[in-house]
Amino acid sequence: EIKISNGLKNIHSRDENLKYSNVLDRISS
């Protein structure tokens, strides 16, 4: 079987102090 699986929640835990994290607002699976 083949299926599409999409997450609805924002799984990004944003941290203003992290260079690679603070530029992102949302990550979804």
PDB file of all heavy atoms in Angstrom:
ATOM      1  N   GLU A   1       0.842  -1.187   0.000  1.00  0.00           N
ATOM      2  CA  GLU A   1       0.000   0.000   0.000  1.00  0.00           C
ATOM      3  C   GLU A   1       0.878   1.238   0.000  1.00  0.00           C
ATOM      4  O   GLU A   1       2.021   1.203   0.444  1.00  0.00           O
ATOM      5  CB  GLU A   1      -0.974   0.014   1.184  1.00  0.00           C
ATOM      6  CG  GLU A   1      -0.383   0.349   2.505  1.00  0.00           C
ATOM      7  CD  GLU A   1      -1.384   0.313   3.658  1.00  0.00           C
ATOM      8  OE1 GLU A   1      -2.383  -0.425   3.600  1.00  0.00           O
ATOM      9  OE2 GLU A   1      -1.131   1.032   4.637  1.00  0.00           O
ATOM     10  N   ILE A   2       0.312   2.311  -0.502  1.00  0.00           N
ATOM     11  CA  ILE A   2       0.986   3.607  -0.462  1.00  0.00           C
ATOM     12  C   ILE A   2      -0.001   4.607   0.135  1.00  0.00           C
ATOM     13  O   ILE A   2      -1.183   4.579  -0.192  1.00  0.00           O
ATOM     14  CB  ILE A   2       1.495   4.054  -1.859  1.00  0.00           C
ATOM     15  CG1 ILE A   2       2.372   5.291  -1.735  1.00  0.00           C
ATOM     16  CG2 ILE A   2       0.366   4.248  -2.826  1.00  0.00           C
ATOM     17  CD1 ILE A   2       3.248   5.551  -2.921  1.00  0.00           C
ATOM     18  N   LYS A   3       0.500   5.434   1.046  1.00  0.00           N
ATOM     19  CA  LYS A   3      -0.387   6.396   1.707  1.00  0.00           C
ATOM     20  C   LYS A   3       0.340   7.710   1.947  1.00  0.00           C
ATOM     21  O   LYS A   3       1.565   7.764   2.009  1.00  0.00           O
ATOM     22  CB  LYS A   3      -0.951   5.832   3.011  1.00  0.00           C
ATOM     23  CG  LYS A   3       0.072   5.528   4.061  1.00  0.00           C
ATOM     24  CD  LYS A   3      -0.583   4.880   5.267  1.00  0.00           C
ATOM     25  CE  LYS A   3       0.490   4.427   6.248  1.00  0.00           C
ATOM     26  NZ  LYS A   3      -0.066   3.740   7.380  1.00  0.00           N
ATOM     27  N   ILE A   4      -0.457   8.744   2.090  1.00  0.00           N
ATOM     28  CA  ILE A   4       0.034  10.070   2.435  1.00  0.00           C
ATOM     29  C   ILE A   4      -0.337  10.300   3.887  1.00  0.00           C
ATOM     30  O   ILE A   4      -1.474  10.082   4.286  1.00  0.00           O
ATOM     31  CB  ILE A   4      -0.591  11.139   1.530  1.00  0.00           C
ATOM     32  CG1 ILE A   4      -0.129  10.924   0.097  1.00  0.00           C
ATOM     33  CG2 ILE A   4      -0.231  12.536   2.012  1.00  0.00           C
ATOM     34  CD1 ILE A   4      -0.820  11.804  -0.904  1.00  0.00           C
ATOM     35  N   SER A   5       0.632  10.739   4.670  1.00  0.00           N
ATOM     36  CA  SER A   5       0.435  10.977   6.093  1.00  0.00           C
ATOM     37  C   SER A   5       0.886  12.397   6.404  1.00  0.00           C
ATOM     38  O   SER A   5       2.059  12.723   6.235  1.00  0.00           O
ATOM     39  CB  SER A   5       1.250   9.956   6.891  1.00  0.00           C
ATOM     40  OG  SER A   5       1.122  10.165   8.258  1.00  0.00           O
ATOM     41  N   ASN A   6      -0.044  13.234   6.841  1.00  0.00           N
ATOM     42  CA  ASN A   6       0.258  14.639   7.125  1.00  0.00           C
ATOM     43  C   ASN A   6      -0.054  14.977   8.570  1.00  0.00           C
ATOM     44  O   ASN A   6      -1.133  14.658   9.067  1.00  0.00           O
ATOM     45  CB  ASN A   6      -0.544  15.571   6.218  1.00  0.00           C
ATOM     46  CG  ASN A   6      -0.041  15.568   4.800  1.00  0.00           C
ATOM     47  OD1 ASN A   6       1.133  15.367   4.552  1.00  0.00           O
ATOM     48  ND2 ASN A   6      -0.935  15.779   3.865  1.00  0.00           N
ATOM     49  N   GLY A   7       0.893  15.637   9.227  1.00  0.00           N
ATOM     50  CA  GLY A   7       0.667  16.123  10.578  1.00  0.00           C
ATOM     51  C   GLY A   7      -0.019  17.480  10.543  1.00  0.00           C
ATOM     52  O   GLY A   7       0.235  18.289   9.654  1.00  0.00           O
ATOM     53  N   LEU A   8      -0.878  17.744  11.507  1.00  0.00           N
ATOM     54  CA  LEU A   8      -1.610  19.007  11.559  1.00  0.00           C
ATOM     55  C   LEU A   8      -1.021  19.989  12.558  1.00  0.00           C
ATOM     56  O   LEU A   8      -1.305  21.176  12.505  1.00  0.00           O
ATOM     57  CB  LEU A   8      -3.077  18.743  11.912  1.00  0.00           C
ATOM     58  CG  LEU A   8      -3.843  17.891  10.912  1.00  0.00           C
ATOM     59  CD1 LEU A   8      -5.229  17.579  11.433  1.00  0.00           C
ATOM     60  CD2 LEU A   8      -3.916  18.591   9.568  1.00  0.00           C
ATOM     61  N   LYS A   9      -0.200  19.507  13.463  1.00  0.00           N
ATOM     62  CA  LYS A   9       0.333  20.338  14.537  1.00  0.00           C
ATOM     63  C   LYS A   9       1.692  20.934  14.138  1.00  0.00           C
ATOM     64  O   LYS A   9       2.445  20.325  13.388  1.00  0.00           O
ATOM     65  CB  LYS A   9       0.494  19.479  15.790  1.00  0.00           C
ATOM     66  CG  LYS A   9       0.958  20.229  16.990  1.00  0.00           C
ATOM     67  CD  LYS A   9       1.074  19.303  18.195  1.00  0.00           C
ATOM     68  CE  LYS A   9       1.639  20.095  19.348  1.00  0.00           C
ATOM     69  NZ  LYS A   9       2.165  19.265  20.376  1.00  0.00           N
ATOM     70  N   ASN A  10       1.989  22.110  14.657  1.00  0.00           N
ATOM     71  CA  ASN A  10       3.315  22.694  14.508  1.00  0.00           C
ATOM     72  C   ASN A  10       4.243  21.979  15.490  1.00  0.00           C
ATOM     73  O   ASN A  10       4.108  22.127  16.696  1.00  0.00           O
ATOM     74  CB  ASN A  10       3.283  24.193  14.799  1.00  0.00           C
ATOM     75  CG  ASN A  10       4.636  24.845  14.666  1.00  0.00           C
ATOM     76  OD1 ASN A  10       5.591  24.252  14.174  1.00  0.00           O
ATOM     77  ND2 ASN A  10       4.726  26.084  15.106  1.00  0.00           N
ATOM     78  N   ILE A  11       5.192  21.190  14.984  1.00  0.00           N
ATOM     79  CA  ILE A  11       6.067  20.428  15.867  1.00  0.00           C
ATOM     80  C   ILE A  11       7.384  21.150  16.158  1.00  0.00           C
ATOM     81  O   ILE A  11       8.240  20.622  16.856  1.00  0.00           O
ATOM     82  CB  ILE A  11       6.346  19.009  15.310  1.00  0.00           C
ATOM     83  CG1 ILE A  11       6.971  19.065  13.922  1.00  0.00           C
ATOM     84  CG2 ILE A  11       5.080  18.181  15.312  1.00  0.00           C
ATOM     85  CD1 ILE A  11       7.417  17.731  13.393  1.00  0.00           C
ATOM     86  N   HIS A  12       7.519  22.362  15.655  1.00  0.00           N
ATOM     87  CA  HIS A  12       8.729  23.141  15.913  1.00  0.00           C
ATOM     88  C   HIS A  12       8.638  23.782  17.294  1.00  0.00           C
ATOM     89  O   HIS A  12       7.678  24.463  17.620  1.00  0.00           O
ATOM     90  CB  HIS A  12       8.885  24.219  14.845  1.00  0.00           C
ATOM     91  CG  HIS A  12      10.123  25.035  15.008  1.00  0.00           C
ATOM     92  ND1 HIS A  12      10.093  26.393  15.065  1.00  0.00           N
ATOM     93  CD2 HIS A  12      11.417  24.684  15.142  1.00  0.00           C
ATOM     94  CE1 HIS A  12      11.320  26.858  15.204  1.00  0.00           C
ATOM     95  NE2 HIS A  12      12.139  25.836  15.259  1.00  0.00           N
ATOM     96  N   SER A  13       9.653  23.570  18.101  1.00  0.00           N
ATOM     97  CA  SER A  13       9.740  24.199  19.416  1.00  0.00           C
ATOM     98  C   SER A  13      10.715  25.371  19.262  1.00  0.00           C
ATOM     99  O   SER A  13      11.921  25.217  19.378  1.00  0.00           O
ATOM    100  CB  SER A  13      10.242  23.188  20.447  1.00  0.00           C
ATOM    101  OG  SER A  13      10.298  23.764  21.713  1.00  0.00           O
ATOM    102  N   ARG A  14      10.170  26.524  18.954  1.00  0.00           N
ATOM    103  CA  ARG A  14      10.976  27.696  18.592  1.00  0.00           C
ATOM    104  C   ARG A  14      11.774  28.222  19.778  1.00  0.00           C
ATOM    105  O   ARG A  14      11.271  28.340  20.885  1.00  0.00           O
ATOM    106  CB  ARG A  14      10.056  28.790  18.067  1.00  0.00           C
ATOM    107  CG  ARG A  14      10.790  29.884  17.366  1.00  0.00           C
ATOM    108  CD  ARG A  14       9.848  30.599  16.410  1.00  0.00           C
ATOM    109  NE  ARG A  14      10.599  31.558  15.658  1.00  0.00           N
ATOM    110  CZ  ARG A  14      10.770  32.820  16.048  1.00  0.00           C
ATOM    111  NH1 ARG A  14      10.229  33.249  17.154  1.00  0.00           N
ATOM    112  NH2 ARG A  14      11.484  33.638  15.327  1.00  0.00           N
ATOM    113  N   ASP A  15      13.038  28.547  19.516  1.00  0.00           N
ATOM    114  CA  ASP A  15      13.924  29.112  20.527  1.00  0.00           C
ATOM    115  C   ASP A  15      14.630  30.306  19.901  1.00  0.00           C
ATOM    116  O   ASP A  15      15.407  30.154  18.950  1.00  0.00           O
ATOM    117  CB  ASP A  15      14.930  28.053  20.997  1.00  0.00           C
ATOM    118  CG  ASP A  15      15.736  28.503  22.191  1.00  0.00           C
ATOM    119  OD1 ASP A  15      15.874  29.722  22.413  1.00  0.00           O
ATOM    120  OD2 ASP A  15      16.256  27.621  22.907  1.00  0.00           O
ATOM    121  N   GLU A  16      14.371  31.483  20.411  1.00  0.00           N
ATOM    122  CA  GLU A  16      14.943  32.726  19.873  1.00  0.00           C
ATOM    123  C   GLU A  16      16.465  32.758  19.930  1.00  0.00           C
ATOM    124  O   GLU A  16      17.097  33.470  19.168  1.00  0.00           O
ATOM    125  CB  GLU A  16      14.392  33.933  20.646  1.00  0.00           C
ATOM    126  CG  GLU A  16      12.907  34.155  20.486  1.00  0.00           C
ATOM    127  CD  GLU A  16      12.546  34.699  19.114  1.00  0.00           C
ATOM    128  OE1 GLU A  16      13.403  35.331  18.464  1.00  0.00           O
ATOM    129  OE2 GLU A  16      11.400  34.489  18.705  1.00  0.00           O
ATOM    130  N   ASN A  17      17.057  31.989  20.830  1.00  0.00           N
ATOM    131  CA  ASN A  17      18.510  32.038  21.030  1.00  0.00           C
ATOM    132  C   ASN A  17      19.289  31.114  20.105  1.00  0.00           C
ATOM    133  O   ASN A  17      20.513  31.141  20.125  1.00  0.00           O
ATOM    134  CB  ASN A  17      18.837  31.691  22.483  1.00  0.00           C
ATOM    135  CG  ASN A  17      18.189  32.669  23.437  1.00  0.00           C
ATOM    136  OD1 ASN A  17      18.152  33.870  23.177  1.00  0.00           O
ATOM    137  ND2 ASN A  17      17.641  32.157  24.519  1.00  0.00           N
ATOM    138  N   LEU A  18      18.611  30.295  19.343  1.00  0.00           N
ATOM    139  CA  LEU A  18      19.300  29.344  18.467  1.00  0.00           C
ATOM    140  C   LEU A  18      19.311  29.847  17.031  1.00  0.00           C
ATOM    141  O   LEU A  18      18.266  30.144  16.452  1.00  0.00           O
ATOM    142  CB  LEU A  18      18.627  27.973  18.541  1.00  0.00           C
ATOM    143  CG  LEU A  18      18.580  27.335  19.923  1.00  0.00           C
ATOM    144  CD1 LEU A  18      17.875  26.006  19.864  1.00  0.00           C
ATOM    145  CD2 LEU A  18      19.984  27.176  20.489  1.00  0.00           C
ATOM    146  N   LYS A  19      20.487  29.920  16.449  1.00  0.00           N
ATOM    147  CA  LYS A  19      20.678  30.470  15.112  1.00  0.00           C
ATOM    148  C   LYS A  19      19.846  29.743  14.063  1.00  0.00           C
ATOM    149  O   LYS A  19      19.244  30.365  13.201  1.00  0.00           O
ATOM    150  CB  LYS A  19      22.164  30.386  14.753  1.00  0.00           C
ATOM    151  CG  LYS A  19      22.499  30.772  13.337  1.00  0.00           C
ATOM    152  CD  LYS A  19      23.970  30.604  13.076  1.00  0.00           C
ATOM    153  CE  LYS A  19      24.321  30.899  11.638  1.00  0.00           C
ATOM    154  NZ  LYS A  19      25.734  30.702  11.361  1.00  0.00           N
ATOM    155  N   TYR A  20      19.816  28.414  14.119  1.00  0.00           N
ATOM    156  CA  TYR A  20      19.136  27.641  13.088  1.00  0.00           C
ATOM    157  C   TYR A  20      17.660  27.407  13.406  1.00  0.00           C
ATOM    158  O   TYR A  20      16.922  26.902  12.591  1.00  0.00           O
ATOM    159  CB  TYR A  20      19.849  26.314  12.864  1.00  0.00           C
ATOM    160  CG  TYR A  20      21.233  26.510  12.309  1.00  0.00           C
ATOM    161  CD1 TYR A  20      22.356  26.273  13.079  1.00  0.00           C
ATOM    162  CD2 TYR A  20      21.411  26.959  11.014  1.00  0.00           C
ATOM    163  CE1 TYR A  20      23.628  26.477  12.571  1.00  0.00           C
ATOM    164  CE2 TYR A  20      22.675  27.165  10.489  1.00  0.00           C
ATOM    165  CZ  TYR A  20      23.780  26.923  11.274  1.00  0.00           C
ATOM    166  OH  TYR A  20      25.029  27.132  10.752  1.00  0.00           O
ATOM    167  N   SER A  21      17.231  27.765  14.573  1.00  0.00           N
ATOM    168  CA  SER A  21      15.838  27.567  14.973  1.00  0.00           C
ATOM    169  C   SER A  21      15.021  28.849  14.904  1.00  0.00           C
ATOM    170  O   SER A  21      13.834  28.817  14.605  1.00  0.00           O
ATOM    171  CB  SER A  21      15.781  26.999  16.388  1.00  0.00           C
ATOM    172  OG  SER A  21      14.473  26.762  16.790  1.00  0.00           O
ATOM    173  N   ASN A  22      15.647  29.984  15.167  1.00  0.00           N
ATOM    174  CA  ASN A  22      14.875  31.225  15.280  1.00  0.00           C
ATOM    175  C   ASN A  22      14.354  31.756  13.952  1.00  0.00           C
ATOM    176  O   ASN A  22      13.524  32.645  13.932  1.00  0.00           O
ATOM    177  CB  ASN A  22      15.671  32.307  16.025  1.00  0.00           C
ATOM    178  CG  ASN A  22      16.890  32.755  15.275  1.00  0.00           C
ATOM    179  OD1 ASN A  22      17.119  32.373  14.138  1.00  0.00           O
ATOM    180  ND2 ASN A  22      17.706  33.566  15.917  1.00  0.00           N
ATOM    181  N   VAL A  23      14.805  31.249  12.817  1.00  0.00           N
ATOM    182  CA  VAL A  23      14.318  31.720  11.521  1.00  0.00           C
ATOM    183  C   VAL A  23      13.101  30.932  11.040  1.00  0.00           C
ATOM    184  O   VAL A  23      12.507  31.281  10.025  1.00  0.00           O
ATOM    185  CB  VAL A  23      15.430  31.671  10.448  1.00  0.00           C
ATOM    186  CG1 VAL A  23      16.530  32.650  10.781  1.00  0.00           C
ATOM    187  CG2 VAL A  23      15.948  30.273  10.261  1.00  0.00           C
ATOM    188  N   LEU A  24      12.730  29.887  11.751  1.00  0.00           N
ATOM    189  CA  LEU A  24      11.589  29.061  11.364  1.00  0.00           C
ATOM    190  C   LEU A  24      10.384  29.367  12.238  1.00  0.00           C
ATOM    191  O   LEU A  24      10.515  29.573  13.435  1.00  0.00           O
ATOM    192  CB  LEU A  24      11.935  27.576  11.500  1.00  0.00           C
ATOM    193  CG  LEU A  24      13.110  27.076  10.679  1.00  0.00           C
ATOM    194  CD1 LEU A  24      13.422  25.642  11.026  1.00  0.00           C
ATOM    195  CD2 LEU A  24      12.829  27.219   9.204  1.00  0.00           C
ATOM    196  N   ASP A  25       9.224  29.361  11.625  1.00  0.00           N
ATOM    197  CA  ASP A  25       7.990  29.580  12.366  1.00  0.00           C
ATOM    198  C   ASP A  25       7.251  28.265  12.598  1.00  0.00           C
ATOM    199  O   ASP A  25       6.721  28.028  13.668  1.00  0.00           O
ATOM    200  CB  ASP A  25       7.086  30.540  11.592  1.00  0.00           C
ATOM    201  CG  ASP A  25       5.793  30.841  12.302  1.00  0.00           C
ATOM    202  OD1 ASP A  25       5.816  30.936  13.546  1.00  0.00           O
ATOM    203  OD2 ASP A  25       4.756  30.982  11.623  1.00  0.00           O
ATOM    204  N   ARG A  26       7.210  27.389  11.592  1.00  0.00           N
ATOM    205  CA  ARG A  26       6.412  26.175  11.666  1.00  0.00           C
ATOM    206  C   ARG A  26       7.113  25.030  10.941  1.00  0.00           C
ATOM    207  O   ARG A  26       7.657  25.224   9.857  1.00  0.00           O
ATOM    208  CB  ARG A  26       5.050  26.438  11.039  1.00  0.00           C
ATOM    209  CG  ARG A  26       4.121  25.262  11.019  1.00  0.00           C
ATOM    210  CD  ARG A  26       2.766  25.639  10.396  1.00  0.00           C
ATOM    211  NE  ARG A  26       1.901  24.502  10.392  1.00  0.00           N
ATOM    212  CZ  ARG A  26       1.134  24.128  11.414  1.00  0.00           C
ATOM    213  NH1 ARG A  26       1.129  24.853  12.510  1.00  0.00           N
ATOM    214  NH2 ARG A  26       0.366  23.067  11.339  1.00  0.00           N
ATOM    215  N   ILE A  27       7.047  23.856  11.545  1.00  0.00           N
ATOM    216  CA  ILE A  27       7.484  22.620  10.901  1.00  0.00           C
ATOM    217  C   ILE A  27       6.338  21.628  11.069  1.00  0.00           C
ATOM    218  O   ILE A  27       5.855  21.407  12.173  1.00  0.00           O
ATOM    219  CB  ILE A  27       8.769  22.052  11.532  1.00  0.00           C
ATOM    220  CG1 ILE A  27       9.935  23.018  11.358  1.00  0.00           C
ATOM    221  CG2 ILE A  27       9.113  20.702  10.906  1.00  0.00           C
ATOM    222  CD1 ILE A  27      11.219  22.574  12.041  1.00  0.00           C
ATOM    223  N   SER A  28       5.914  21.036   9.967  1.00  0.00           N
ATOM    224  CA  SER A  28       4.864  20.023   9.990  1.00  0.00           C
ATOM    225  C   SER A  28       5.414  18.745   9.382  1.00  0.00           C
ATOM    226  O   SER A  28       6.229  18.795   8.466  1.00  0.00           O
ATOM    227  CB  SER A  28       3.651  20.467   9.172  1.00  0.00           C
ATOM    228  OG  SER A  28       3.096  21.630   9.718  1.00  0.00           O
ATOM    229  N   SER A  29       4.943  17.615   9.889  1.00  0.00           N
ATOM    230  CA  SER A  29       5.394  16.342   9.325  1.00  0.00           C
ATOM    231  C   SER A  29       4.537  15.998   8.115  1.00  0.00           C
ATOM    232  O   SER A  29       3.311  16.103   8.150  1.00  0.00           O
ATOM    233  CB  SER A  29       5.320  15.231  10.375  1.00  0.00           C
ATOM    234  OG  SER A  29       4.003  15.035  10.795  1.00  0.00           O
TER     235      SER A  29
END
